[in-house]
Every structure is written in C-alpha cells, then in structure tokens.
Amino acid sequence: MYENYPSAAGGNQLPEPAPPSAPPASVQTAVRLMYAGAVISTISFILGLATISSFKHSLENKYPNYTSQHINSLVSVEIVVVVIAGVMASGCGCGWPG
C-alpha cells in the first residue's frame, strides 16, 4: 500500500546528496566585480585619509585669513566625510544597500 519515503535500495538509508555544482559564469563574474569594487572603495578610502594633510595645507594657502581653529574645523569635517563615504562604500556588512 504505502512505501516509506524516500525509498532506497539499501533499506532505511537515505540517498547521498548530489555534489554541489559550480555557480554559473555570470554569478562568478558578478562576484569578481563586487570584489573589485570593494578593493577600489578601500583604495579610495585610504587615499582620502592620506590626503588630509595636503587638504589642510591647501586651505591654509587659499584662505590666509582663517584662524587655525577654522582650518582645523574644516579638516575635521573632511575627515568625517571621508569616513562616512568609506563606510557607505564598503557597506560595512550591516545589510545596507550598496
């Protein structure tokens, strides 16, 4: 009448699962492009942090009337912008789109 599911020739043994297949080429290409984007974002973030001192010197040369407090405030804003852009570009693993 009724058979046990799954029916196997060896009695109560379950059939072996199929070996995992390789993902399609389009998926592999997409993964490579995502890794390349992450590398480019990381390099951009590092360069943004590395150029902060030159940003400060250019502000001092362009606006000689600004006090050191004004210059430091602008540099602080630049640091915050670079860090926020770096976090948003990397997605930080928080499930953010991007």
PDB file of N, CA and C in Angstrom:
ATOM      1  N   MET A   1       0.793  -1.172   0.000  1.00  0.00           N
ATOM      2  CA  MET A   1       0.000   0.000   0.000  1.00  0.00           C
ATOM      3  C   MET A   1       0.859   1.269   0.000  1.00  0.00           C
ATOM      4  N   TYR A   2       1.467   1.594   1.132  1.00  0.00           N
ATOM      5  CA  TYR A   2       2.275   2.801   1.248  1.00  0.00           C
ATOM      6  C   TYR A   2       3.730   2.411   1.400  1.00  0.00           C
ATOM      7  N   GLU A   3       4.613   3.183   0.775  1.00  0.00           N
ATOM      8  CA  GLU A   3       6.048   2.966   0.933  1.00  0.00           C
ATOM      9  C   GLU A   3       6.616   4.078   1.795  1.00  0.00           C
ATOM     10  N   ASN A   4       7.693   3.745   2.482  1.00  0.00           N
ATOM     11  CA  ASN A   4       8.389   4.773   3.242  1.00  0.00           C
ATOM     12  C   ASN A   4       9.094   5.715   2.266  1.00  0.00           C
ATOM     13  N   TYR A   5       9.068   6.991   2.574  1.00  0.00           N
ATOM     14  CA  TYR A   5       9.744   7.974   1.728  1.00  0.00           C
ATOM     15  C   TYR A   5      11.012   8.419   2.403  1.00  0.00           C
ATOM     16  N   PRO A   6      12.145   8.525   1.821  1.00  0.00           N
ATOM     17  CA  PRO A   6      12.464   8.126   0.460  1.00  0.00           C
ATOM     18  C   PRO A   6      12.767   6.636   0.414  1.00  0.00           C
ATOM     19  N   SER A   7      12.391   6.049  -0.642  1.00  0.00           N
ATOM     20  CA  SER A   7      12.673   4.634  -0.779  1.00  0.00           C
ATOM     21  C   SER A   7      14.064   4.473  -1.343  1.00  0.00           C
ATOM     22  N   ALA A   8      14.823   3.650  -0.722  1.00  0.00           N
ATOM     23  CA  ALA A   8      16.182   3.399  -1.159  1.00  0.00           C
ATOM     24  C   ALA A   8      16.394   1.899  -1.252  1.00  0.00           C
ATOM     25  N   ALA A   9      17.298   1.507  -2.109  1.00  0.00           N
ATOM     26  CA  ALA A   9      17.537   0.074  -2.295  1.00  0.00           C
ATOM     27  C   ALA A   9      18.163  -0.547  -1.059  1.00  0.00           C
ATOM     28  N   GLY A  10      18.847   0.230  -0.268  1.00  0.00           N
ATOM     29  CA  GLY A  10      19.553  -0.308   0.889  1.00  0.00           C
ATOM     30  C   GLY A  10      18.714  -0.338   2.147  1.00  0.00           C
ATOM     31  N   GLY A  11      17.439  -0.225   2.076  1.00  0.00           N
ATOM     32  CA  GLY A  11      16.608  -0.274   3.277  1.00  0.00           C
ATOM     33  C   GLY A  11      16.291   1.123   3.761  1.00  0.00           C
ATOM     34  N   ASN A  12      16.741   1.435   4.966  1.00  0.00           N
ATOM     35  CA  ASN A  12      16.427   2.733   5.579  1.00  0.00           C
ATOM     36  C   ASN A  12      17.494   3.791   5.318  1.00  0.00           C
ATOM     37  N   GLN A  13      18.447   3.530   4.454  1.00  0.00           N
ATOM     38  CA  GLN A  13      19.495   4.503   4.177  1.00  0.00           C
ATOM     39  C   GLN A  13      18.962   5.596   3.252  1.00  0.00           C
ATOM     40  N   LEU A  14      19.379   6.815   3.556  1.00  0.00           N
ATOM     41  CA  LEU A  14      18.991   7.950   2.712  1.00  0.00           C
ATOM     42  C   LEU A  14      19.925   8.015   1.517  1.00  0.00           C
ATOM     43  N   PRO A  15      19.428   8.442   0.382  1.00  0.00           N
ATOM     44  CA  PRO A  15      20.316   8.592  -0.775  1.00  0.00           C
ATOM     45  C   PRO A  15      21.313   9.721  -0.531  1.00  0.00           C
ATOM     46  N   GLU A  16      22.496   9.591  -1.112  1.00  0.00           N
ATOM     47  CA  GLU A  16      23.520  10.612  -0.950  1.00  0.00           C
ATOM     48  C   GLU A  16      23.115  11.861  -1.721  1.00  0.00           C
ATOM     49  N   PRO A  17      23.371  13.031  -1.129  1.00  0.00           N
ATOM     50  CA  PRO A  17      23.024  14.269  -1.845  1.00  0.00           C
ATOM     51  C   PRO A  17      23.921  14.448  -3.063  1.00  0.00           C
ATOM     52  N   ALA A  18      23.390  15.129  -4.042  1.00  0.00           N
ATOM     53  CA  ALA A  18      24.163  15.391  -5.251  1.00  0.00           C
ATOM     54  C   ALA A  18      25.307  16.340  -4.926  1.00  0.00           C
ATOM     55  N   PRO A  19      26.444  16.160  -5.560  1.00  0.00           N
ATOM     56  CA  PRO A  19      27.568  17.066  -5.298  1.00  0.00           C
ATOM     57  C   PRO A  19      27.218  18.479  -5.741  1.00  0.00           C
ATOM     58  N   PRO A  20      27.703  19.478  -5.006  1.00  0.00           N
ATOM     59  CA  PRO A  20      27.376  20.862  -5.379  1.00  0.00           C
ATOM     60  C   PRO A  20      27.969  21.200  -6.744  1.00  0.00           C
ATOM     61  N   SER A  21      27.189  21.879  -7.526  1.00  0.00           N
ATOM     62  CA  SER A  21      27.672  22.276  -8.851  1.00  0.00           C
ATOM     63  C   SER A  21      28.258  23.684  -8.777  1.00  0.00           C
ATOM     64  N   ALA A  22      29.102  24.003  -9.728  1.00  0.00           N
ATOM     65  CA  ALA A  22      29.711  25.330  -9.769  1.00  0.00           C
ATOM     66  C   ALA A  22      28.650  26.362 -10.146  1.00  0.00           C
ATOM     67  N   PRO A  23      28.748  27.570  -9.562  1.00  0.00           N
ATOM     68  CA  PRO A  23      27.786  28.611  -9.931  1.00  0.00           C
ATOM     69  C   PRO A  23      27.944  28.992 -11.408  1.00  0.00           C
ATOM     70  N   PRO A  24      26.918  29.544 -12.001  1.00  0.00           N
ATOM     71  CA  PRO A  24      27.007  29.960 -13.405  1.00  0.00           C
ATOM     72  C   PRO A  24      28.096  31.018 -13.615  1.00  0.00           C
ATOM     73  N   ALA A  25      28.550  31.133 -14.830  1.00  0.00           N
ATOM     74  CA  ALA A  25      29.617  32.089 -15.158  1.00  0.00           C
ATOM     75  C   ALA A  25      29.206  33.519 -14.845  1.00  0.00           C
ATOM     76  N   SER A  26      27.943  33.854 -15.055  1.00  0.00           N
ATOM     77  CA  SER A  26      27.503  35.224 -14.769  1.00  0.00           C
ATOM     78  C   SER A  26      27.591  35.543 -13.285  1.00  0.00           C
ATOM     79  N   VAL A  27      27.320  34.558 -12.444  1.00  0.00           N
ATOM     80  CA  VAL A  27      27.422  34.769 -10.993  1.00  0.00           C
ATOM     81  C   VAL A  27      28.890  34.919 -10.597  1.00  0.00           C
ATOM     82  N   GLN A  28      29.758  34.100 -11.176  1.00  0.00           N
ATOM     83  CA  GLN A  28      31.185  34.214 -10.877  1.00  0.00           C
ATOM     84  C   GLN A  28      31.726  35.573 -11.313  1.00  0.00           C
ATOM     85  N   THR A  29      31.283  36.066 -12.460  1.00  0.00           N
ATOM     86  CA  THR A  29      31.705  37.389 -12.923  1.00  0.00           C
ATOM     87  C   THR A  29      31.197  38.476 -11.982  1.00  0.00           C
ATOM     88  N   ALA A  30      29.958  38.347 -11.524  1.00  0.00           N
ATOM     89  CA  ALA A  30      29.395  39.336 -10.605  1.00  0.00           C
ATOM     90  C   ALA A  30      30.176  39.368  -9.293  1.00  0.00           C
ATOM     91  N   VAL A  31      30.567  38.218  -8.802  1.00  0.00           N
ATOM     92  CA  VAL A  31      31.335  38.159  -7.559  1.00  0.00           C
ATOM     93  C   VAL A  31      32.694  38.826  -7.751  1.00  0.00           C
ATOM     94  N   ARG A  32      33.340  38.552  -8.878  1.00  0.00           N
ATOM     95  CA  ARG A  32      34.640  39.188  -9.148  1.00  0.00           C
ATOM     96  C   ARG A  32      34.498  40.708  -9.229  1.00  0.00           C
ATOM     97  N   LEU A  33      33.432  41.171  -9.860  1.00  0.00           N
ATOM     98  CA  LEU A  33      33.220  42.614  -9.957  1.00  0.00           C
ATOM     99  C   LEU A  33      32.925  43.239  -8.590  1.00  0.00           C
ATOM    100  N   MET A  34      32.221  42.513  -7.742  1.00  0.00           N
ATOM    101  CA  MET A  34      31.969  43.030  -6.383  1.00  0.00           C
ATOM    102  C   MET A  34      33.267  43.124  -5.596  1.00  0.00           C
ATOM    103  N   TYR A  35      34.130  42.110  -5.728  1.00  0.00           N
ATOM    104  CA  TYR A  35      35.427  42.180  -5.052  1.00  0.00           C
ATOM    105  C   TYR A  35      36.264  43.334  -5.595  1.00  0.00           C
ATOM    106  N   ALA A  36      36.243  43.541  -6.905  1.00  0.00           N
ATOM    107  CA  ALA A  36      36.988  44.654  -7.497  1.00  0.00           C
ATOM    108  C   ALA A  36      36.447  45.992  -6.981  1.00  0.00           C
ATOM    109  N   GLY A  37      35.139  46.115  -6.871  1.00  0.00           N
ATOM    110  CA  GLY A  37      34.549  47.336  -6.326  1.00  0.00           C
ATOM    111  C   GLY A  37      34.946  47.567  -4.875  1.00  0.00           C
ATOM    112  N   ALA A  38      35.025  46.493  -4.099  1.00  0.00           N
ATOM    113  CA  ALA A  38      35.445  46.626  -2.704  1.00  0.00           C
ATOM    114  C   ALA A  38      36.898  47.077  -2.619  1.00  0.00           C
ATOM    115  N   VAL A  39      37.744  46.555  -3.492  1.00  0.00           N
ATOM    116  CA  VAL A  39      39.154  46.967  -3.499  1.00  0.00           C
ATOM    117  C   VAL A  39      39.270  48.434  -3.885  1.00  0.00           C
ATOM    118  N   ILE A  40      38.535  48.853  -4.907  1.00  0.00           N
ATOM    119  CA  ILE A  40      38.584  50.252  -5.334  1.00  0.00           C
ATOM    120  C   ILE A  40      38.068  51.176  -4.230  1.00  0.00           C
ATOM    121  N   SER A  41      37.015  50.767  -3.537  1.00  0.00           N
ATOM    122  CA  SER A  41      36.489  51.578  -2.430  1.00  0.00           C
ATOM    123  C   SER A  41      37.500  51.688  -1.300  1.00  0.00           C
ATOM    124  N   THR A  42      38.191  50.599  -1.009  1.00  0.00           N
ATOM    125  CA  THR A  42      39.201  50.614   0.055  1.00  0.00           C
ATOM    126  C   THR A  42      40.354  51.527  -0.315  1.00  0.00           C
ATOM    127  N   ILE A  43      40.809  51.435  -1.563  1.00  0.00           N
ATOM    128  CA  ILE A  43      41.902  52.306  -2.008  1.00  0.00           C
ATOM    129  C   ILE A  43      41.468  53.767  -1.951  1.00  0.00           C
ATOM    130  N   SER A  44      40.259  54.049  -2.378  1.00  0.00           N
ATOM    131  CA  SER A  44      39.745  55.417  -2.332  1.00  0.00           C
ATOM    132  C   SER A  44      39.684  55.935  -0.898  1.00  0.00           C
ATOM    133  N   PHE A  45      39.250  55.081   0.020  1.00  0.00           N
ATOM    134  CA  PHE A  45      39.179  55.462   1.433  1.00  0.00           C
ATOM    135  C   PHE A  45      40.567  55.770   1.980  1.00  0.00           C
ATOM    136  N   ILE A  46      41.540  54.921   1.672  1.00  0.00           N
ATOM    137  CA  ILE A  46      42.904  55.128   2.163  1.00  0.00           C
ATOM    138  C   ILE A  46      43.491  56.408   1.577  1.00  0.00           C
ATOM    139  N   LEU A  47      43.271  56.629   0.287  1.00  0.00           N
ATOM    140  CA  LEU A  47      43.783  57.855  -0.332  1.00  0.00           C
ATOM    141  C   LEU A  47      43.103  59.093   0.248  1.00  0.00           C
ATOM    142  N   GLY A  48      41.823  58.981   0.551  1.00  0.00           N
ATOM    143  CA  GLY A  48      41.121  60.109   1.168  1.00  0.00           C
ATOM    144  C   GLY A  48      41.705  60.471   2.521  1.00  0.00           C
ATOM    145  N   LEU A  49      42.044  59.459   3.306  1.00  0.00           N
ATOM    146  CA  LEU A  49      42.663  59.725   4.600  1.00  0.00           C
ATOM    147  C   LEU A  49      44.094  60.225   4.445  1.00  0.00           C
ATOM    148  N   ALA A  50      44.795  59.730   3.442  1.00  0.00           N
ATOM    149  CA  ALA A  50      46.196  60.118   3.247  1.00  0.00           C
ATOM    150  C   ALA A  50      46.334  61.556   2.760  1.00  0.00           C
ATOM    151  N   THR A  51      45.327  62.089   2.109  1.00  0.00           N
ATOM    152  CA  THR A  51      45.431  63.439   1.549  1.00  0.00           C
ATOM    153  C   THR A  51      44.889  64.526   2.471  1.00  0.00           C
ATOM    154  N   ILE A  52      44.571  64.164   3.689  1.00  0.00           N
ATOM    155  CA  ILE A  52      44.012  65.163   4.610  1.00  0.00           C
ATOM    156  C   ILE A  52      45.029  66.251   4.937  1.00  0.00           C
ATOM    157  N   SER A  53      46.309  65.876   5.095  1.00  0.00           N
ATOM    158  CA  SER A  53      47.308  66.899   5.420  1.00  0.00           C
ATOM    159  C   SER A  53      47.489  67.875   4.259  1.00  0.00           C
ATOM    160  N   SER A  54      47.450  67.362   3.025  1.00  0.00           N
ATOM    161  CA  SER A  54      47.562  68.280   1.892  1.00  0.00           C
ATOM    162  C   SER A  54      46.319  69.164   1.787  1.00  0.00           C
ATOM    163  N   PHE A  55      45.167  68.628   2.182  1.00  0.00           N
ATOM    164  CA  PHE A  55      43.946  69.427   2.213  1.00  0.00           C
ATOM    165  C   PHE A  55      44.101  70.580   3.206  1.00  0.00           C
ATOM    166  N   LYS A  56      44.693  70.284   4.346  1.00  0.00           N
ATOM    167  CA  LYS A  56      44.895  71.321   5.354  1.00  0.00           C
ATOM    168  C   LYS A  56      45.841  72.400   4.834  1.00  0.00           C
ATOM    169  N   HIS A  57      46.931  71.993   4.190  1.00  0.00           N
ATOM    170  CA  HIS A  57      47.882  72.976   3.652  1.00  0.00           C
ATOM    171  C   HIS A  57      47.254  73.815   2.541  1.00  0.00           C
ATOM    172  N   SER A  58      46.437  73.198   1.711  1.00  0.00           N
ATOM    173  CA  SER A  58      45.794  73.983   0.646  1.00  0.00           C
ATOM    174  C   SER A  58      44.790  74.976   1.225  1.00  0.00           C
ATOM    175  N   LEU A  59      44.103  74.597   2.295  1.00  0.00           N
ATOM    176  CA  LEU A  59      43.193  75.543   2.946  1.00  0.00           C
ATOM    177  C   LEU A  59      43.967  76.715   3.543  1.00  0.00           C
ATOM    178  N   GLU A  60      45.103  76.426   4.166  1.00  0.00           N
ATOM    179  CA  GLU A  60      45.909  77.494   4.763  1.00  0.00           C
ATOM    180  C   GLU A  60      46.424  78.456   3.700  1.00  0.00           C
ATOM    181  N   ASN A  61      46.784  77.923   2.527  1.00  0.00           N
ATOM    182  CA  ASN A  61      47.291  78.785   1.456  1.00  0.00           C
ATOM    183  C   ASN A  61      46.176  79.562   0.773  1.00  0.00           C
ATOM    184  N   LYS A  62      45.024  78.924   0.584  1.00  0.00           N
ATOM    185  CA  LYS A  62      43.930  79.564  -0.133  1.00  0.00           C
ATOM    186  C   LYS A  62      43.210  80.608   0.729  1.00  0.00           C
ATOM    187  N   TYR A  63      43.114  80.353   2.025  1.00  0.00           N
ATOM    188  CA  TYR A  63      42.406  81.259   2.944  1.00  0.00           C
ATOM    189  C   TYR A  63      43.341  81.679   4.077  1.00  0.00           C
ATOM    190  N   PRO A  64      44.242  82.596   3.818  1.00  0.00           N
ATOM    191  CA  PRO A  64      45.203  83.001   4.859  1.00  0.00           C
ATOM    192  C   PRO A  64      44.538  83.747   6.022  1.00  0.00           C
ATOM    193  N   ASN A  65      43.328  84.256   5.820  1.00  0.00           N
ATOM    194  CA  ASN A  65      42.643  84.989   6.890  1.00  0.00           C
ATOM    195  C   ASN A  65      41.997  84.057   7.912  1.00  0.00           C
ATOM    196  N   TYR A  66      41.844  82.793   7.569  1.00  0.00           N
ATOM    197  CA  TYR A  66      41.210  81.853   8.503  1.00  0.00           C
ATOM    198  C   TYR A  66      42.152  81.565   9.671  1.00  0.00           C
ATOM    199  N   THR A  67      41.560  81.445  10.840  1.00  0.00           N
ATOM    200  CA  THR A  67      42.358  81.083  12.010  1.00  0.00           C
ATOM    201  C   THR A  67      42.626  79.582  11.978  1.00  0.00           C
ATOM    202  N   SER A  68      43.543  79.163  12.815  1.00  0.00           N
ATOM    203  CA  SER A  68      43.857  77.729  12.869  1.00  0.00           C
ATOM    204  C   SER A  68      42.643  76.932  13.359  1.00  0.00           C
ATOM    205  N   GLN A  69      41.808  77.562  14.165  1.00  0.00           N
ATOM    206  CA  GLN A  69      40.597  76.886  14.628  1.00  0.00           C
ATOM    207  C   GLN A  69      39.638  76.635  13.464  1.00  0.00           C
ATOM    208  N   HIS A  70      39.489  77.608  12.567  1.00  0.00           N
ATOM    209  CA  HIS A  70      38.633  77.423  11.390  1.00  0.00           C
ATOM    210  C   HIS A  70      39.183  76.315  10.485  1.00  0.00           C
ATOM    211  N   ILE A  71      40.499  76.354  10.280  1.00  0.00           N
ATOM    212  CA  ILE A  71      41.136  75.340   9.424  1.00  0.00           C
ATOM    213  C   ILE A  71      40.950  73.955  10.026  1.00  0.00           C
ATOM    214  N   ASN A  72      41.167  73.836  11.315  1.00  0.00           N
ATOM    215  CA  ASN A  72      41.022  72.526  11.972  1.00  0.00           C
ATOM    216  C   ASN A  72      39.572  72.037  11.928  1.00  0.00           C
ATOM    217  N   SER A  73      38.636  72.958  12.017  1.00  0.00           N
ATOM    218  CA  SER A  73      37.228  72.567  11.918  1.00  0.00           C
ATOM    219  C   SER A  73      36.914  72.028  10.523  1.00  0.00           C
ATOM    220  N   LEU A  74      37.433  72.687   9.502  1.00  0.00           N
ATOM    221  CA  LEU A  74      37.210  72.211   8.134  1.00  0.00           C
ATOM    222  C   LEU A  74      37.875  70.862   7.892  1.00  0.00           C
ATOM    223  N   VAL A  75      39.059  70.676   8.477  1.00  0.00           N
ATOM    224  CA  VAL A  75      39.747  69.389   8.336  1.00  0.00           C
ATOM    225  C   VAL A  75      38.946  68.304   9.055  1.00  0.00           C
ATOM    226  N   SER A  76      38.380  68.622  10.195  1.00  0.00           N
ATOM    227  CA  SER A  76      37.551  67.642  10.911  1.00  0.00           C
ATOM    228  C   SER A  76      36.332  67.243  10.090  1.00  0.00           C
ATOM    229  N   VAL A  77      35.723  68.215   9.433  1.00  0.00           N
ATOM    230  CA  VAL A  77      34.582  67.912   8.570  1.00  0.00           C
ATOM    231  C   VAL A  77      35.025  67.010   7.427  1.00  0.00           C
ATOM    232  N   GLU A  78      36.194  67.277   6.868  1.00  0.00           N
ATOM    233  CA  GLU A  78      36.725  66.447   5.779  1.00  0.00           C
ATOM    234  C   GLU A  78      36.953  65.008   6.253  1.00  0.00           C
ATOM    235  N   ILE A  79      37.471  64.849   7.452  1.00  0.00           N
ATOM    236  CA  ILE A  79      37.695  63.500   7.997  1.00  0.00           C
ATOM    237  C   ILE A  79      36.365  62.765   8.149  1.00  0.00           C
ATOM    238  N   VAL A  80      35.372  63.447   8.684  1.00  0.00           N
ATOM    239  CA  VAL A  80      34.056  62.823   8.867  1.00  0.00           C
ATOM    240  C   VAL A  80      33.464  62.420   7.520  1.00  0.00           C
ATOM    241  N   VAL A  81      33.586  63.287   6.531  1.00  0.00           N
ATOM    242  CA  VAL A  81      33.046  62.981   5.196  1.00  0.00           C
ATOM    243  C   VAL A  81      33.752  61.772   4.601  1.00  0.00           C
ATOM    244  N   VAL A  82      35.074  61.703   4.724  1.00  0.00           N
ATOM    245  CA  VAL A  82      35.833  60.573   4.174  1.00  0.00           C
ATOM    246  C   VAL A  82      35.445  59.278   4.876  1.00  0.00           C
ATOM    247  N   VAL A  83      35.321  59.309   6.189  1.00  0.00           N
ATOM    248  CA  VAL A  83      34.977  58.096   6.927  1.00  0.00           C
ATOM    249  C   VAL A  83      33.560  57.640   6.590  1.00  0.00           C
ATOM    250  N   ILE A  84      32.613  58.559   6.547  1.00  0.00           N
ATOM    251  CA  ILE A  84      31.235  58.180   6.215  1.00  0.00           C
ATOM    252  C   ILE A  84      31.160  57.634   4.792  1.00  0.00           C
ATOM    253  N   ALA A  85      31.868  58.262   3.865  1.00  0.00           N
ATOM    254  CA  ALA A  85      31.872  57.760   2.484  1.00  0.00           C
ATOM    255  C   ALA A  85      32.512  56.382   2.410  1.00  0.00           C
ATOM    256  N   GLY A  86      33.572  56.161   3.177  1.00  0.00           N
ATOM    257  CA  GLY A  86      34.217  54.852   3.186  1.00  0.00           C
ATOM    258  C   GLY A  86      33.323  53.777   3.757  1.00  0.00           C
ATOM    259  N   VAL A  87      32.610  54.092   4.817  1.00  0.00           N
ATOM    260  CA  VAL A  87      31.698  53.121   5.424  1.00  0.00           C
ATOM    261  C   VAL A  87      30.532  52.828   4.488  1.00  0.00           C
ATOM    262  N   MET A  88      30.003  53.852   3.863  1.00  0.00           N
ATOM    263  CA  MET A  88      28.885  53.628   2.951  1.00  0.00           C
ATOM    264  C   MET A  88      29.320  52.859   1.709  1.00  0.00           C
ATOM    265  N   ALA A  89      30.528  53.118   1.239  1.00  0.00           N
ATOM    266  CA  ALA A  89      31.010  52.419   0.045  1.00  0.00           C
ATOM    267  C   ALA A  89      31.266  50.953   0.330  1.00  0.00           C
ATOM    268  N   SER A  90      31.756  50.658   1.523  1.00  0.00           N
ATOM    269  CA  SER A  90      32.038  49.258   1.847  1.00  0.00           C
ATOM    270  C   SER A  90      30.780  48.510   2.261  1.00  0.00           C
ATOM    271  N   GLY A  91      29.755  49.225   2.670  1.00  0.00           N
ATOM    272  CA  GLY A  91      28.520  48.578   3.118  1.00  0.00           C
ATOM    273  C   GLY A  91      28.622  48.096   4.540  1.00  0.00           C
ATOM    274  N   CYS A  92      29.761  48.086   5.106  1.00  0.00           N
ATOM    275  CA  CYS A  92      30.104  47.717   6.490  1.00  0.00           C
ATOM    276  C   CYS A  92      29.488  46.399   6.938  1.00  0.00           C
ATOM    277  N   GLY A  93      28.961  45.611   6.043  1.00  0.00           N
ATOM    278  CA  GLY A  93      28.394  44.325   6.434  1.00  0.00           C
ATOM    279  C   GLY A  93      27.123  44.444   7.264  1.00  0.00           C
ATOM    280  N   CYS A  94      26.497  45.610   7.243  1.00  0.00           N
ATOM    281  CA  CYS A  94      25.309  45.839   8.075  1.00  0.00           C
ATOM    282  C   CYS A  94      24.023  45.626   7.307  1.00  0.00           C
ATOM    283  N   GLY A  95      24.100  45.059   6.129  1.00  0.00           N
ATOM    284  CA  GLY A  95      22.903  44.863   5.345  1.00  0.00           C
ATOM    285  C   GLY A  95      22.440  46.116   4.638  1.00  0.00           C
ATOM    286  N   TRP A  96      23.308  47.132   4.606  1.00  0.00           N
ATOM    287  CA  TRP A  96      22.966  48.363   3.897  1.00  0.00           C
ATOM    288  C   TRP A  96      23.034  48.101   2.416  1.00  0.00           C
ATOM    289  N   PRO A  97      22.169  48.733   1.648  1.00  0.00           N
ATOM    290  CA  PRO A  97      22.301  48.579   0.199  1.00  0.00           C
ATOM    291  C   PRO A  97      23.540  49.308  -0.281  1.00  0.00           C
ATOM    292  N   GLY A  98      24.171  48.779  -1.276  1.00  0.00           N
ATOM    293  CA  GLY A  98      25.314  49.493  -1.810  1.00  0.00           C
ATOM    294  C   GLY A  98      26.380  48.652  -2.280  1.00  0.00           C
TER     295      GLY A  98
END
